Amino acid sequence: DLPRGITPEGIAVGSGTEFFTGSLSTGAIYSGD
């Protein structure tokens, strides 16, 4: 589950089990495991 209202579109896997997504509406970057 992602934060409510994040409006994501992209996803990328980083180092280890890290992943990234972001917000279409604000541009904020979110990092998760």
PDB file of all heavy atoms in Angstrom:
ATOM      1  N   ASP A   1       0.838  -1.198   0.000  1.00  0.00           N
ATOM      2  CA  ASP A   1       0.000   0.000   0.000  1.00  0.00           C
ATOM      3  C   ASP A   1       0.873   1.248   0.000  1.00  0.00           C
ATOM      4  O   ASP A   1       1.856   1.337   0.746  1.00  0.00           O
ATOM      5  CB  ASP A   1      -0.914   0.017   1.215  1.00  0.00           C
ATOM      6  CG  ASP A   1      -1.960  -1.070   1.172  1.00  0.00           C
ATOM      7  OD1 ASP A   1      -2.501  -1.325   0.082  1.00  0.00           O
ATOM      8  OD2 ASP A   1      -2.233  -1.687   2.222  1.00  0.00           O
ATOM      9  N   LEU A   2       0.500   2.208  -0.832  1.00  0.00           N
ATOM     10  CA  LEU A   2       1.185   3.494  -0.909  1.00  0.00           C
ATOM     11  C   LEU A   2       0.375   4.536  -0.152  1.00  0.00           C
ATOM     12  O   LEU A   2      -0.799   4.314   0.147  1.00  0.00           O
ATOM     13  CB  LEU A   2       1.355   3.910  -2.367  1.00  0.00           C
ATOM     14  CG  LEU A   2       2.200   2.971  -3.247  1.00  0.00           C
ATOM     15  CD1 LEU A   2       2.166   3.426  -4.692  1.00  0.00           C
ATOM     16  CD2 LEU A   2       3.628   2.884  -2.734  1.00  0.00           C
ATOM     17  N   PRO A   3       0.974   5.679   0.163  1.00  0.00           N
ATOM     18  CA  PRO A   3       0.209   6.728   0.845  1.00  0.00           C
ATOM     19  C   PRO A   3      -1.039   7.117   0.051  1.00  0.00           C
ATOM     20  O   PRO A   3      -0.977   7.282  -1.167  1.00  0.00           O
ATOM     21  CB  PRO A   3       1.200   7.890   0.937  1.00  0.00           C
ATOM     22  CG  PRO A   3       2.538   7.243   0.897  1.00  0.00           C
ATOM     23  CD  PRO A   3       2.385   6.062  -0.009  1.00  0.00           C
ATOM     24  N   ARG A   4      -2.132   7.265   0.728  1.00  0.00           N
ATOM     25  CA  ARG A   4      -3.374   7.652   0.072  1.00  0.00           C
ATOM     26  C   ARG A   4      -3.172   8.960  -0.694  1.00  0.00           C
ATOM     27  O   ARG A   4      -2.598   9.909  -0.192  1.00  0.00           O
ATOM     28  CB  ARG A   4      -4.482   7.824   1.115  1.00  0.00           C
ATOM     29  CG  ARG A   4      -5.858   8.126   0.517  1.00  0.00           C
ATOM     30  CD  ARG A   4      -6.862   8.355   1.632  1.00  0.00           C
ATOM     31  NE  ARG A   4      -7.133   7.130   2.369  1.00  0.00           N
ATOM     32  CZ  ARG A   4      -8.108   6.275   2.090  1.00  0.00           C
ATOM     33  NH1 ARG A   4      -8.923   6.535   1.073  1.00  0.00           N
ATOM     34  NH2 ARG A   4      -8.286   5.195   2.816  1.00  0.00           N
ATOM     35  N   GLY A   5      -3.656   8.977  -1.934  1.00  0.00           N
ATOM     36  CA  GLY A   5      -3.601  10.198  -2.727  1.00  0.00           C
ATOM     37  C   GLY A   5      -2.288  10.492  -3.403  1.00  0.00           C
ATOM     38  O   GLY A   5      -2.121  11.551  -4.010  1.00  0.00           O
ATOM     39  N   ILE A   6      -1.326   9.563  -3.386  1.00  0.00           N
ATOM     40  CA  ILE A   6       0.005   9.858  -3.944  1.00  0.00           C
ATOM     41  C   ILE A   6      -0.033  10.063  -5.462  1.00  0.00           C
ATOM     42  O   ILE A   6       0.796  10.750  -6.022  1.00  0.00           O
ATOM     43  CB  ILE A   6       1.010   8.741  -3.573  1.00  0.00           C
ATOM     44  CG1 ILE A   6       2.423   9.096  -4.068  1.00  0.00           C
ATOM     45  CG2 ILE A   6       0.573   7.403  -4.096  1.00  0.00           C
ATOM     46  CD1 ILE A   6       3.495   8.114  -3.674  1.00  0.00           C
ATOM     47  N   THR A   7      -0.992   9.493  -6.174  1.00  0.00           N
ATOM     48  CA  THR A   7      -1.097   9.537  -7.642  1.00  0.00           C
ATOM     49  C   THR A   7       0.197   9.102  -8.327  1.00  0.00           C
ATOM     50  O   THR A   7       0.854   9.875  -9.005  1.00  0.00           O
ATOM     51  CB  THR A   7      -1.519  10.939  -8.156  1.00  0.00           C
ATOM     52  OG1 THR A   7      -0.533  11.917  -7.794  1.00  0.00           O
ATOM     53  CG2 THR A   7      -2.866  11.340  -7.596  1.00  0.00           C
ATOM     54  N   PRO A   8       0.579   7.832  -8.185  1.00  0.00           N
ATOM     55  CA  PRO A   8       1.832   7.345  -8.761  1.00  0.00           C
ATOM     56  C   PRO A   8       1.697   6.975 -10.231  1.00  0.00           C
ATOM     57  O   PRO A   8       0.585   6.758 -10.734  1.00  0.00           O
ATOM     58  CB  PRO A   8       2.130   6.103  -7.924  1.00  0.00           C
ATOM     59  CG  PRO A   8       0.753   5.559  -7.638  1.00  0.00           C
ATOM     60  CD  PRO A   8      -0.137   6.777  -7.465  1.00  0.00           C
ATOM     61  N   GLU A   9       2.816   6.895 -10.925  1.00  0.00           N
ATOM     62  CA  GLU A   9       2.848   6.404 -12.301  1.00  0.00           C
ATOM     63  C   GLU A   9       4.090   5.560 -12.546  1.00  0.00           C
ATOM     64  O   GLU A   9       4.004   4.465 -13.061  1.00  0.00           O
ATOM     65  CB  GLU A   9       2.800   7.575 -13.289  1.00  0.00           C
ATOM     66  CG  GLU A   9       2.290   7.213 -14.684  1.00  0.00           C
ATOM     67  CD  GLU A   9       3.369   6.679 -15.617  1.00  0.00           C
ATOM     68  OE1 GLU A   9       4.558   6.621 -15.214  1.00  0.00           O
ATOM     69  OE2 GLU A   9       3.038   6.300 -16.741  1.00  0.00           O
ATOM     70  N   GLY A  10       5.253   6.066 -12.196  1.00  0.00           N
ATOM     71  CA  GLY A  10       6.501   5.345 -12.430  1.00  0.00           C
ATOM     72  C   GLY A  10       6.922   4.517 -11.235  1.00  0.00           C
ATOM     73  O   GLY A  10       6.479   4.741 -10.109  1.00  0.00           O
ATOM     74  N   ILE A  11       7.811   3.551 -11.501  1.00  0.00           N
ATOM     75  CA  ILE A  11       8.412   2.766 -10.436  1.00  0.00           C
ATOM     76  C   ILE A  11       9.801   2.343 -10.879  1.00  0.00           C
ATOM     77  O   ILE A  11      10.033   2.067 -12.061  1.00  0.00           O
ATOM     78  CB  ILE A  11       7.553   1.532 -10.069  1.00  0.00           C
ATOM     79  CG1 ILE A  11       8.133   0.807  -8.848  1.00  0.00           C
ATOM     80  CG2 ILE A  11       7.371   0.598 -11.251  1.00  0.00           C
ATOM     81  CD1 ILE A  11       7.214  -0.263  -8.276  1.00  0.00           C
ATOM     82  N   ALA A  12      10.735   2.321  -9.933  1.00  0.00           N
ATOM     83  CA  ALA A  12      12.097   1.873 -10.205  1.00  0.00           C
ATOM     84  C   ALA A  12      12.595   1.132  -8.978  1.00  0.00           C
ATOM     85  O   ALA A  12      12.224   1.462  -7.842  1.00  0.00           O
ATOM     86  CB  ALA A  12      13.015   3.055 -10.515  1.00  0.00           C
ATOM     87  N   VAL A  13      13.432   0.139  -9.199  1.00  0.00           N
ATOM     88  CA  VAL A  13      14.089  -0.578  -8.107  1.00  0.00           C
ATOM     89  C   VAL A  13      15.487  -0.020  -7.953  1.00  0.00           C
ATOM     90  O   VAL A  13      16.208   0.178  -8.928  1.00  0.00           O
ATOM     91  CB  VAL A  13      14.122  -2.092  -8.383  1.00  0.00           C
ATOM     92  CG1 VAL A  13      15.003  -2.806  -7.371  1.00  0.00           C
ATOM     93  CG2 VAL A  13      12.711  -2.664  -8.349  1.00  0.00           C
ATOM     94  N   GLY A  14      15.853   0.274  -6.695  1.00  0.00           N
ATOM     95  CA  GLY A  14      17.159   0.840  -6.413  1.00  0.00           C
ATOM     96  C   GLY A  14      18.119  -0.182  -5.841  1.00  0.00           C
ATOM     97  O   GLY A  14      18.163  -1.342  -6.289  1.00  0.00           O
ATOM     98  N   SER A  15      18.849   0.198  -4.816  1.00  0.00           N
ATOM     99  CA  SER A  15      19.816  -0.698  -4.186  1.00  0.00           C
ATOM    100  C   SER A  15      19.096  -1.673  -3.257  1.00  0.00           C
ATOM    101  O   SER A  15      18.165  -1.295  -2.543  1.00  0.00           O
ATOM    102  CB  SER A  15      20.836   0.112  -3.388  1.00  0.00           C
ATOM    103  OG  SER A  15      21.504   1.048  -4.220  1.00  0.00           O
ATOM    104  N   GLY A  16      19.528  -2.934  -3.269  1.00  0.00           N
ATOM    105  CA  GLY A  16      18.912  -3.924  -2.402  1.00  0.00           C
ATOM    106  C   GLY A  16      17.441  -4.089  -2.724  1.00  0.00           C
ATOM    107  O   GLY A  16      17.056  -4.280  -3.879  1.00  0.00           O
ATOM    108  N   THR A  17      16.601  -3.994  -1.694  1.00  0.00           N
ATOM    109  CA  THR A  17      15.156  -4.153  -1.880  1.00  0.00           C
ATOM    110  C   THR A  17      14.430  -2.815  -1.916  1.00  0.00           C
ATOM    111  O   THR A  17      13.214  -2.755  -1.767  1.00  0.00           O
ATOM    112  CB  THR A  17      14.567  -5.018  -0.750  1.00  0.00           C
ATOM    113  OG1 THR A  17      14.881  -4.415   0.522  1.00  0.00           O
ATOM    114  CG2 THR A  17      15.133  -6.431  -0.790  1.00  0.00           C
ATOM    115  N   GLU A  18      15.164  -1.752  -2.164  1.00  0.00           N
ATOM    116  CA  GLU A  18      14.584  -0.413  -2.215  1.00  0.00           C
ATOM    117  C   GLU A  18      13.829  -0.204  -3.529  1.00  0.00           C
ATOM    118  O   GLU A  18      14.274  -0.632  -4.591  1.00  0.00           O
ATOM    119  CB  GLU A  18      15.701   0.614  -2.093  1.00  0.00           C
ATOM    120  CG  GLU A  18      15.269   2.062  -2.059  1.00  0.00           C
ATOM    121  CD  GLU A  18      16.469   2.982  -1.910  1.00  0.00           C
ATOM    122  OE1 GLU A  18      17.524   2.691  -2.529  1.00  0.00           O
ATOM    123  OE2 GLU A  18      16.365   3.969  -1.185  1.00  0.00           O
ATOM    124  N   PHE A  19      12.684   0.469  -3.459  1.00  0.00           N
ATOM    125  CA  PHE A  19      11.985   0.882  -4.669  1.00  0.00           C
ATOM    126  C   PHE A  19      11.584   2.343  -4.546  1.00  0.00           C
ATOM    127  O   PHE A  19      11.517   2.913  -3.459  1.00  0.00           O
ATOM    128  CB  PHE A  19      10.752   0.001  -4.948  1.00  0.00           C
ATOM    129  CG  PHE A  19       9.548   0.314  -4.097  1.00  0.00           C
ATOM    130  CD1 PHE A  19       8.599   1.244  -4.508  1.00  0.00           C
ATOM    131  CD2 PHE A  19       9.351  -0.326  -2.886  1.00  0.00           C
ATOM    132  CE1 PHE A  19       7.483   1.537  -3.734  1.00  0.00           C
ATOM    133  CE2 PHE A  19       8.235  -0.048  -2.096  1.00  0.00           C
ATOM    134  CZ  PHE A  19       7.307   0.889  -2.514  1.00  0.00           C
ATOM    135  N   PHE A  20      11.312   2.936  -5.708  1.00  0.00           N
ATOM    136  CA  PHE A  20      10.906   4.340  -5.775  1.00  0.00           C
ATOM    137  C   PHE A  20       9.645   4.458  -6.607  1.00  0.00           C
ATOM    138  O   PHE A  20       9.448   3.739  -7.586  1.00  0.00           O
ATOM    139  CB  PHE A  20      11.989   5.203  -6.426  1.00  0.00           C
ATOM    140  CG  PHE A  20      13.320   5.135  -5.750  1.00  0.00           C
ATOM    141  CD1 PHE A  20      14.282   4.239  -6.194  1.00  0.00           C
ATOM    142  CD2 PHE A  20      13.612   5.950  -4.668  1.00  0.00           C
ATOM    143  CE1 PHE A  20      15.523   4.159  -5.578  1.00  0.00           C
ATOM    144  CE2 PHE A  20      14.839   5.880  -4.042  1.00  0.00           C
ATOM    145  CZ  PHE A  20      15.792   4.979  -4.496  1.00  0.00           C
ATOM    146  N   THR A  21       8.791   5.373  -6.227  1.00  0.00           N
ATOM    147  CA  THR A  21       7.699   5.816  -7.079  1.00  0.00           C
ATOM    148  C   THR A  21       7.551   7.311  -6.830  1.00  0.00           C
ATOM    149  O   THR A  21       8.304   7.889  -6.044  1.00  0.00           O
ATOM    150  CB  THR A  21       6.399   5.032  -6.824  1.00  0.00           C
ATOM    151  OG1 THR A  21       5.425   5.399  -7.808  1.00  0.00           O
ATOM    152  CG2 THR A  21       5.849   5.292  -5.438  1.00  0.00           C
ATOM    153  N   GLY A  22       6.631   7.954  -7.536  1.00  0.00           N
ATOM    154  CA  GLY A  22       6.505   9.403  -7.379  1.00  0.00           C
ATOM    155  C   GLY A  22       5.093   9.853  -7.656  1.00  0.00           C
ATOM    156  O   GLY A  22       4.223   9.064  -8.041  1.00  0.00           O
ATOM    157  N   SER A  23       4.851  11.124  -7.484  1.00  0.00           N
ATOM    158  CA  SER A  23       3.517  11.683  -7.615  1.00  0.00           C
ATOM    159  C   SER A  23       3.375  12.458  -8.918  1.00  0.00           C
ATOM    160  O   SER A  23       4.143  13.388  -9.185  1.00  0.00           O
ATOM    161  CB  SER A  23       3.215  12.613  -6.437  1.00  0.00           C
ATOM    162  OG  SER A  23       1.993  13.275  -6.626  1.00  0.00           O
ATOM    163  N   LEU A  24       2.371  12.084  -9.712  1.00  0.00           N
ATOM    164  CA  LEU A  24       2.055  12.847 -10.913  1.00  0.00           C
ATOM    165  C   LEU A  24       1.599  14.255 -10.578  1.00  0.00           C
ATOM    166  O   LEU A  24       1.855  15.204 -11.329  1.00  0.00           O
ATOM    167  CB  LEU A  24       0.944  12.139 -11.697  1.00  0.00           C
ATOM    168  CG  LEU A  24       1.331  10.975 -12.601  1.00  0.00           C
ATOM    169  CD1 LEU A  24       0.080  10.279 -13.097  1.00  0.00           C
ATOM    170  CD2 LEU A  24       2.169  11.457 -13.768  1.00  0.00           C
ATOM    171  N   SER A  25       0.916  14.425  -9.461  1.00  0.00           N
ATOM    172  CA  SER A  25       0.305  15.713  -9.141  1.00  0.00           C
ATOM    173  C   SER A  25       1.235  16.669  -8.402  1.00  0.00           C
ATOM    174  O   SER A  25       1.048  17.886  -8.482  1.00  0.00           O
ATOM    175  CB  SER A  25      -0.973  15.507  -8.326  1.00  0.00           C
ATOM    176  OG  SER A  25      -0.723  14.737  -7.174  1.00  0.00           O
ATOM    177  N   THR A  26       2.257  16.144  -7.702  1.00  0.00           N
ATOM    178  CA  THR A  26       3.145  17.031  -6.940  1.00  0.00           C
ATOM    179  C   THR A  26       4.617  16.892  -7.307  1.00  0.00           C
ATOM    180  O   THR A  26       5.410  17.771  -7.008  1.00  0.00           O
ATOM    181  CB  THR A  26       3.021  16.779  -5.427  1.00  0.00           C
ATOM    182  OG1 THR A  26       3.604  15.499  -5.109  1.00  0.00           O
ATOM    183  CG2 THR A  26       1.571  16.824  -4.975  1.00  0.00           C
ATOM    184  N   GLY A  27       5.011  15.773  -7.909  1.00  0.00           N
ATOM    185  CA  GLY A  27       6.406  15.524  -8.220  1.00  0.00           C
ATOM    186  C   GLY A  27       7.198  14.916  -7.084  1.00  0.00           C
ATOM    187  O   GLY A  27       8.382  14.621  -7.237  1.00  0.00           O
ATOM    188  N   ALA A  28       6.584  14.725  -5.917  1.00  0.00           N
ATOM    189  CA  ALA A  28       7.294  14.162  -4.773  1.00  0.00           C
ATOM    190  C   ALA A  28       7.764  12.745  -5.062  1.00  0.00           C
ATOM    191  O   ALA A  28       7.096  11.977  -5.758  1.00  0.00           O
ATOM    192  CB  ALA A  28       6.396  14.173  -3.539  1.00  0.00           C
ATOM    193  N   ILE A  29       8.916  12.382  -4.510  1.00  0.00           N
ATOM    194  CA  ILE A  29       9.493  11.049  -4.673  1.00  0.00           C
ATOM    195  C   ILE A  29       9.321  10.265  -3.378  1.00  0.00           C
ATOM    196  O   ILE A  29       9.615  10.763  -2.287  1.00  0.00           O
ATOM    197  CB  ILE A  29      10.989  11.131  -5.035  1.00  0.00           C
ATOM    198  CG1 ILE A  29      11.174  11.935  -6.329  1.00  0.00           C
ATOM    199  CG2 ILE A  29      11.583   9.733  -5.172  1.00  0.00           C
ATOM    200  CD1 ILE A  29      10.477  11.355  -7.535  1.00  0.00           C
ATOM    201  N   TYR A  30       8.837   9.034  -3.526  1.00  0.00           N
ATOM    202  CA  TYR A  30       8.587   8.152  -2.397  1.00  0.00           C
ATOM    203  C   TYR A  30       9.521   6.956  -2.499  1.00  0.00           C
ATOM    204  O   TYR A  30       9.722   6.394  -3.582  1.00  0.00           O
ATOM    205  CB  TYR A  30       7.136   7.684  -2.433  1.00  0.00           C
ATOM    206  CG  TYR A  30       6.729   6.755  -1.316  1.00  0.00           C
ATOM    207  CD1 TYR A  30       6.270   7.254  -0.100  1.00  0.00           C
ATOM    208  CD2 TYR A  30       6.789   5.371  -1.483  1.00  0.00           C
ATOM    209  CE1 TYR A  30       5.876   6.400   0.919  1.00  0.00           C
ATOM    210  CE2 TYR A  30       6.403   4.510  -0.467  1.00  0.00           C
ATOM    211  CZ  TYR A  30       5.945   5.027   0.736  1.00  0.00           C
ATOM    212  OH  TYR A  30       5.564   4.182   1.747  1.00  0.00           O
ATOM    213  N   SER A  31      10.117   6.574  -1.381  1.00  0.00           N
ATOM    214  CA  SER A  31      11.007   5.419  -1.329  1.00  0.00           C
ATOM    215  C   SER A  31      10.426   4.381  -0.385  1.00  0.00           C
ATOM    216  O   SER A  31      10.007   4.710   0.733  1.00  0.00           O
ATOM    217  CB  SER A  31      12.402   5.832  -0.850  1.00  0.00           C
ATOM    218  OG  SER A  31      13.239   4.699  -0.674  1.00  0.00           O
ATOM    219  N   GLY A  32      10.398   3.119  -0.820  1.00  0.00           N
ATOM    220  CA  GLY A  32       9.871   2.049   0.011  1.00  0.00           C
ATOM    221  C   GLY A  32      10.750   0.823  -0.064  1.00  0.00           C
ATOM    222  O   GLY A  32      11.748   0.785  -0.787  1.00  0.00           O
ATOM    223  N   ASP A  33      10.364  -0.200   0.691  1.00  0.00           N
ATOM    224  CA  ASP A  33      11.115  -1.446   0.762  1.00  0.00           C
ATOM    225  C   ASP A  33      10.224  -2.581   0.262  1.00  0.00           C
ATOM    226  O   ASP A  33       9.127  -2.787   0.779  1.00  0.00           O
ATOM    227  CB  ASP A  33      11.560  -1.713   2.197  1.00  0.00           C
ATOM    228  CG  ASP A  33      12.563  -2.848   2.292  1.00  0.00           C
ATOM    229  OD1 ASP A  33      12.207  -3.982   1.947  1.00  0.00           O
ATOM    230  OD2 ASP A  33      13.705  -2.607   2.728  1.00  0.00           O
TER     231      ASP A  33
END
